Amino acid sequence: MPAARTAPRTVLLTGAAGGLGTLMRELLPEYGYTLRLLDVRPVEGEPDAITADLADRDALREAVRGVDAIIHLAGISLEAPFEKILKANIEGTYNLYEAAREEGVQRIVFASSNHAVGFTPRPQGDDPLIPVDTPRRPDTFYGLSKSFGEDLAQFYWDKHDLETVSVRIGSCFREPSSVRMLSVWMSPEDGARLFHAALTAQGVEHTVVYGSSANTRLWWDLTTARALGYEPQDDSESFAEKLIAEQGELDPENVAHAYLGGPFVSEPPIWPY
């Protein structure tokens, strides 16, 4: 396990008005962080939050100035036309990394996604857990943008010594809402534990981890996350009986059940904005 570095005091949280951002606004201060909030929309109840688009490079540079680290959650989190994904997730993430480089920020935690490997067949039976170095197989333009983000993070480490932990997040909600989600669910509390580990582990360079709880039905290998010091405490199995009674077990003949990315491989949910 890497030794813990001094915990950053001030962390820029992008995407602070979103679902995951809202959960982390509630939980991360318990670890001693002062959060500087940024979103393209006003953050309800947070009058000091920065309202700015990721295309606004001057605003981004001002937002990152003086912070110790960044948790980058902002962007489009569902499928959308490539032009929208390009602006928000690809160009926007590049703009953030450039701002961080220019202002000397040393650590970014990047919200990648399981959809970067969404066309990977899900494990069945005695199949081994999916390793973090499995070839990337994005299932959407959204997943493609997360693949780009991981490569961008590697480049900024190799070129500029800017460290990143890329977290391939499954589904972070209070409760899982589908049988598939039993395998990829991350409780909000475990999410905060993982982000804290990603912010404080020593010598991460560019590390890719899967983001989920210690689920009984887990599909992927959490070894690299645990190596950061992450110790997940929750398990989706307490929700399994109810969800399976309502929805039935996963059907390997159903394309949405056969791959890691679930319905993103066949009928992806579309970004509404």
Protein backbone atom coordinates (compact mmCIF):
# COMPACT_ATOMS: atom_id res chain seq x y z
CA MET A 1 0.00 0.00 0.00
CA PRO A 2 1.43 3.44 -0.89
CA ALA A 3 2.18 5.59 2.12
CA ALA A 4 -0.33 8.35 2.72
CA ARG A 5 0.78 11.82 1.76
CA THR A 6 -0.30 14.92 3.62
CA ALA A 7 -4.02 15.31 3.01
CA PRO A 8 -4.78 18.22 0.69
CA ARG A 9 -6.61 21.01 2.46
CA THR A 10 -8.50 22.65 -0.40
CA VAL A 11 -9.99 20.56 -3.19
CA LEU A 12 -11.74 21.85 -6.31
CA LEU A 13 -14.85 19.76 -6.95
CA THR A 14 -16.09 20.16 -10.52
CA GLY A 15 -19.59 19.02 -11.38
CA ALA A 16 -20.63 20.00 -7.87
CA ALA A 17 -24.32 20.40 -8.77
CA GLY A 18 -24.64 16.89 -10.23
CA GLY A 19 -25.81 13.76 -8.48
CA LEU A 20 -22.38 12.45 -7.51
CA GLY A 21 -21.10 15.94 -6.82
CA THR A 22 -23.98 16.56 -4.41
CA LEU A 23 -23.21 13.35 -2.53
CA MET A 24 -19.51 14.24 -2.27
CA ARG A 25 -20.32 17.76 -1.09
CA GLU A 26 -22.04 16.12 1.87
CA LEU A 27 -19.43 13.47 2.65
CA LEU A 28 -15.93 14.72 1.82
CA PRO A 29 -15.81 17.55 4.39
CA GLU A 30 -15.91 14.81 7.05
CA TYR A 31 -12.36 13.95 5.94
CA GLY A 32 -11.18 17.49 6.64
CA TYR A 33 -11.40 18.93 3.13
CA THR A 34 -12.42 22.44 2.27
CA LEU A 35 -14.25 22.18 -1.04
CA ARG A 36 -14.20 24.82 -3.74
CA LEU A 37 -17.24 24.12 -5.90
CA LEU A 38 -17.62 24.56 -9.67
CA ASP A 39 -20.42 23.71 -12.06
CA VAL A 40 -21.92 25.06 -15.27
CA ARG A 41 -25.16 25.46 -13.29
CA PRO A 42 -25.62 27.26 -9.98
CA VAL A 43 -25.08 24.95 -7.01
CA GLU A 44 -28.18 25.07 -4.85
CA GLY A 45 -27.50 26.37 -1.36
CA GLU A 46 -23.89 27.26 -2.18
CA PRO A 47 -23.69 30.99 -2.96
CA ASP A 48 -19.88 30.91 -3.13
CA ALA A 49 -19.79 28.18 -5.80
CA ILE A 50 -18.19 29.10 -9.11
CA THR A 51 -20.53 29.00 -12.10
CA ALA A 52 -18.43 28.43 -15.20
CA ASP A 53 -18.27 26.32 -18.33
CA LEU A 54 -15.33 24.01 -18.95
CA ALA A 55 -14.79 25.92 -22.20
CA ASP A 56 -13.90 29.07 -20.20
CA ARG A 57 -10.17 28.60 -19.74
CA ASP A 58 -9.70 31.85 -17.84
CA ALA A 59 -12.40 30.91 -15.35
CA LEU A 60 -10.91 27.43 -14.95
CA ARG A 61 -7.47 28.81 -14.26
CA GLU A 62 -8.88 31.11 -11.61
CA ALA A 63 -10.87 28.23 -10.12
CA VAL A 64 -7.83 25.96 -9.73
CA ARG A 65 -5.52 28.69 -8.43
CA GLY A 66 -4.42 27.85 -4.92
CA VAL A 67 -6.10 24.46 -4.57
CA ASP A 68 -4.18 21.41 -3.43
CA ALA A 69 -6.01 18.91 -5.64
CA ILE A 70 -8.99 18.50 -8.00
CA ILE A 71 -11.81 15.98 -8.17
CA HIS A 72 -13.09 16.22 -11.73
CA LEU A 73 -16.71 15.07 -11.99
CA ALA A 74 -17.98 17.67 -14.48
CA GLY A 75 -19.16 16.87 -17.98
CA ILE A 76 -21.83 14.84 -19.74
CA SER A 77 -22.52 11.59 -17.88
CA LEU A 78 -24.76 9.84 -20.43
CA GLU A 79 -24.66 9.38 -24.20
CA ALA A 80 -24.95 12.45 -26.43
CA PRO A 81 -24.07 13.52 -29.98
CA PHE A 82 -20.32 13.48 -30.49
CA GLU A 83 -20.18 17.25 -30.89
CA LYS A 84 -21.53 17.73 -27.36
CA ILE A 85 -19.26 15.04 -25.91
CA LEU A 86 -16.29 16.62 -27.68
CA LYS A 87 -16.90 20.04 -26.14
CA ALA A 88 -17.81 19.02 -22.61
CA ASN A 89 -15.86 15.83 -21.93
CA ILE A 90 -12.87 15.95 -24.24
CA GLU A 91 -12.03 19.62 -24.74
CA GLY A 92 -13.35 20.46 -21.26
CA THR A 93 -11.14 17.88 -19.56
CA TYR A 94 -8.14 19.08 -21.56
CA ASN A 95 -8.87 22.66 -20.49
CA LEU A 96 -8.98 21.60 -16.85
CA TYR A 97 -5.68 19.74 -17.09
CA GLU A 98 -4.05 22.72 -18.74
CA ALA A 99 -5.32 25.01 -15.98
CA ALA A 100 -4.00 22.59 -13.37
CA ARG A 101 -0.61 22.42 -15.07
CA GLU A 102 -0.36 26.19 -15.37
CA GLU A 103 -1.23 26.68 -11.70
CA GLY A 104 0.98 23.90 -10.39
CA VAL A 105 -1.72 21.55 -9.07
CA GLN A 106 -0.11 18.17 -8.43
CA ARG A 107 -3.05 15.74 -8.11
CA ILE A 108 -6.30 15.16 -10.01
CA VAL A 109 -8.90 12.49 -9.33
CA PHE A 110 -10.64 11.92 -12.65
CA ALA A 111 -14.13 10.44 -12.86
CA SER A 112 -13.68 7.85 -15.56
CA SER A 113 -16.34 5.20 -16.08
CA ASN A 114 -16.94 1.50 -16.53
CA HIS A 115 -18.23 2.54 -19.96
CA ALA A 116 -14.61 2.96 -21.09
CA VAL A 117 -14.60 -0.85 -21.10
CA GLY A 118 -18.33 -1.30 -21.67
CA PHE A 119 -18.05 -3.84 -24.51
CA THR A 120 -16.07 -6.18 -22.28
CA PRO A 121 -18.13 -9.34 -21.68
CA ARG A 122 -19.28 -9.52 -18.07
CA PRO A 123 -17.92 -12.38 -15.96
CA GLN A 124 -20.18 -15.42 -15.61
CA GLY A 125 -19.90 -18.44 -13.39
CA ASP A 126 -16.28 -19.05 -12.41
CA ASP A 127 -14.87 -16.40 -14.77
CA PRO A 128 -12.13 -14.29 -13.18
CA LEU A 129 -12.79 -10.71 -12.19
CA ILE A 130 -12.11 -8.14 -14.91
CA PRO A 131 -8.63 -6.64 -14.38
CA VAL A 132 -8.00 -2.94 -14.61
CA ASP A 133 -5.62 -3.49 -17.55
CA THR A 134 -8.26 -5.15 -19.70
CA PRO A 135 -8.25 -3.55 -23.18
CA ARG A 136 -10.50 -0.54 -23.37
CA ARG A 137 -13.68 -1.17 -25.34
CA PRO A 138 -15.91 1.92 -25.01
CA ASP A 139 -19.61 1.38 -25.53
CA THR A 140 -20.63 4.95 -26.46
CA PHE A 141 -19.19 8.33 -27.37
CA TYR A 142 -19.45 8.95 -23.63
CA GLY A 143 -17.29 5.89 -22.91
CA LEU A 144 -14.90 6.99 -25.65
CA SER A 145 -14.47 10.34 -23.90
CA LYS A 146 -13.54 8.55 -20.68
CA SER A 147 -10.93 6.53 -22.57
CA PHE A 148 -9.54 9.84 -23.83
CA GLY A 149 -9.49 11.18 -20.27
CA GLU A 150 -7.45 8.23 -19.07
CA ASP A 151 -4.95 8.71 -21.89
CA LEU A 152 -4.82 12.45 -21.19
CA ALA A 153 -4.07 11.71 -17.55
CA GLN A 154 -1.24 9.37 -18.52
CA PHE A 155 0.19 11.99 -20.87
CA TYR A 156 0.13 14.72 -18.22
CA TRP A 157 1.97 12.41 -15.82
CA ASP A 158 4.59 11.42 -18.38
CA LYS A 159 5.03 14.94 -19.76
CA HIS A 160 4.33 17.22 -16.78
CA ASP A 161 4.52 15.07 -13.59
CA LEU A 162 0.85 15.80 -12.84
CA GLU A 163 -0.54 12.78 -10.97
CA THR A 164 -4.01 11.33 -11.56
CA VAL A 165 -6.13 8.56 -10.17
CA SER A 166 -8.68 7.64 -12.84
CA VAL A 167 -11.70 6.05 -11.16
CA ARG A 168 -13.85 3.88 -13.42
CA ILE A 169 -17.04 4.53 -11.53
CA GLY A 170 -19.85 1.99 -11.67
CA SER A 171 -23.06 3.46 -10.25
CA CYS A 172 -22.94 5.66 -7.16
CA PHE A 173 -26.40 6.09 -5.69
CA ARG A 174 -27.96 5.60 -2.28
CA GLU A 175 -29.34 2.25 -3.47
CA PRO A 176 -28.88 0.12 -6.60
CA SER A 177 -31.91 0.23 -8.90
CA SER A 178 -31.29 -2.79 -11.14
CA VAL A 179 -29.94 -6.33 -10.97
CA ARG A 180 -26.95 -5.28 -13.09
CA MET A 181 -26.20 -2.51 -10.61
CA LEU A 182 -25.74 -5.10 -7.85
CA SER A 183 -22.36 -5.84 -9.47
CA VAL A 184 -21.14 -2.27 -10.11
CA TRP A 185 -22.74 -0.30 -7.27
CA MET A 186 -20.65 2.01 -5.10
CA SER A 187 -22.31 3.37 -1.98
CA PRO A 188 -21.82 7.11 -1.49
CA GLU A 189 -19.88 6.41 1.69
CA ASP A 190 -17.52 4.07 -0.15
CA GLY A 191 -17.26 6.67 -2.89
CA ALA A 192 -15.99 9.19 -0.36
CA ARG A 193 -13.58 6.59 1.04
CA LEU A 194 -12.22 5.93 -2.43
CA PHE A 195 -11.84 9.60 -3.34
CA HIS A 196 -10.08 10.23 -0.01
CA ALA A 197 -7.67 7.36 -0.71
CA ALA A 198 -7.07 8.69 -4.23
CA LEU A 199 -6.28 12.14 -2.85
CA THR A 200 -3.90 10.96 -0.14
CA ALA A 201 -2.03 7.91 -1.48
CA GLN A 202 1.64 8.50 -2.19
CA GLY A 203 3.24 8.04 -5.58
CA VAL A 204 0.18 7.25 -7.69
CA GLU A 205 1.67 8.61 -10.94
CA HIS A 206 -1.29 7.64 -13.15
CA THR A 207 -3.31 4.87 -11.54
CA VAL A 208 -6.54 3.44 -12.94
CA VAL A 209 -8.96 1.87 -10.45
CA TYR A 210 -12.49 0.51 -10.52
CA GLY A 211 -14.95 2.34 -8.31
CA SER A 212 -17.43 0.15 -6.48
CA SER A 213 -18.25 -1.28 -3.11
CA ALA A 214 -17.17 -4.77 -2.04
CA ASN A 215 -20.20 -6.35 -3.68
CA THR A 216 -20.85 -10.06 -3.44
CA ARG A 217 -21.65 -10.04 -7.18
CA LEU A 218 -18.64 -7.88 -8.10
CA TRP A 219 -17.48 -8.07 -11.73
CA TRP A 220 -14.14 -6.32 -11.56
CA ASP A 221 -10.90 -6.45 -9.63
CA LEU A 222 -10.47 -3.82 -6.90
CA THR A 223 -6.78 -4.59 -6.32
CA THR A 224 -5.46 -1.24 -7.58
CA ALA A 225 -8.08 0.65 -5.56
CA ARG A 226 -7.19 -1.27 -2.41
CA ALA A 227 -3.50 -0.55 -3.08
CA LEU A 228 -4.30 3.15 -2.59
CA GLY A 229 -5.60 2.38 0.90
CA TYR A 230 -9.26 2.02 -0.09
CA GLU A 231 -11.21 -0.31 2.20
CA PRO A 232 -14.82 -0.56 0.98
CA GLN A 233 -17.32 -1.22 3.74
CA ASP A 234 -20.57 -1.82 1.87
CA ASP A 235 -22.14 -4.59 -0.23
CA SER A 236 -25.15 -4.39 -2.55
CA GLU A 237 -26.30 -7.89 -1.61
CA SER A 238 -28.79 -6.56 0.94
CA PHE A 239 -30.78 -5.18 -2.02
CA ALA A 240 -30.54 -8.33 -4.16
CA GLU A 241 -33.61 -10.26 -3.09
CA LYS A 242 -35.99 -7.39 -3.79
CA LEU A 243 -34.44 -6.45 -7.15
CA ILE A 244 -34.28 -10.03 -8.44
CA ALA A 245 -37.90 -10.62 -7.42
CA GLU A 246 -38.91 -7.55 -9.43
CA GLN A 247 -36.62 -7.90 -12.46
CA GLY A 248 -35.37 -11.48 -12.59
CA GLU A 249 -31.78 -12.64 -12.93
CA LEU A 250 -29.55 -11.34 -15.73
CA ASP A 251 -30.05 -13.11 -19.05
CA PRO A 252 -26.79 -13.75 -20.96
CA GLU A 253 -28.79 -13.86 -24.21
CA ASN A 254 -29.84 -10.24 -23.67
CA VAL A 255 -27.14 -7.99 -25.13
CA ALA A 256 -27.73 -5.42 -22.39
CA HIS A 257 -26.95 -8.12 -19.82
CA ALA A 258 -24.03 -9.72 -21.64
CA TYR A 259 -21.56 -6.85 -21.44
CA LEU A 260 -20.08 -4.76 -18.69
CA GLY A 261 -21.72 -1.60 -20.02
CA GLY A 262 -25.27 -2.91 -19.70
CA PRO A 263 -27.89 -0.96 -21.67
CA PHE A 264 -25.21 1.50 -22.86
CA VAL A 265 -24.18 -1.11 -25.45
CA SER A 266 -27.65 -1.30 -27.01
CA GLU A 267 -29.97 1.55 -25.98
CA PRO A 268 -27.90 4.06 -24.02
CA PRO A 269 -29.67 6.70 -21.94
CA ILE A 270 -29.40 10.10 -23.63
CA TRP A 271 -28.19 13.29 -21.97
CA PRO A 272 -31.27 15.52 -21.67
CA TYR A 273 -29.63 18.93 -21.93
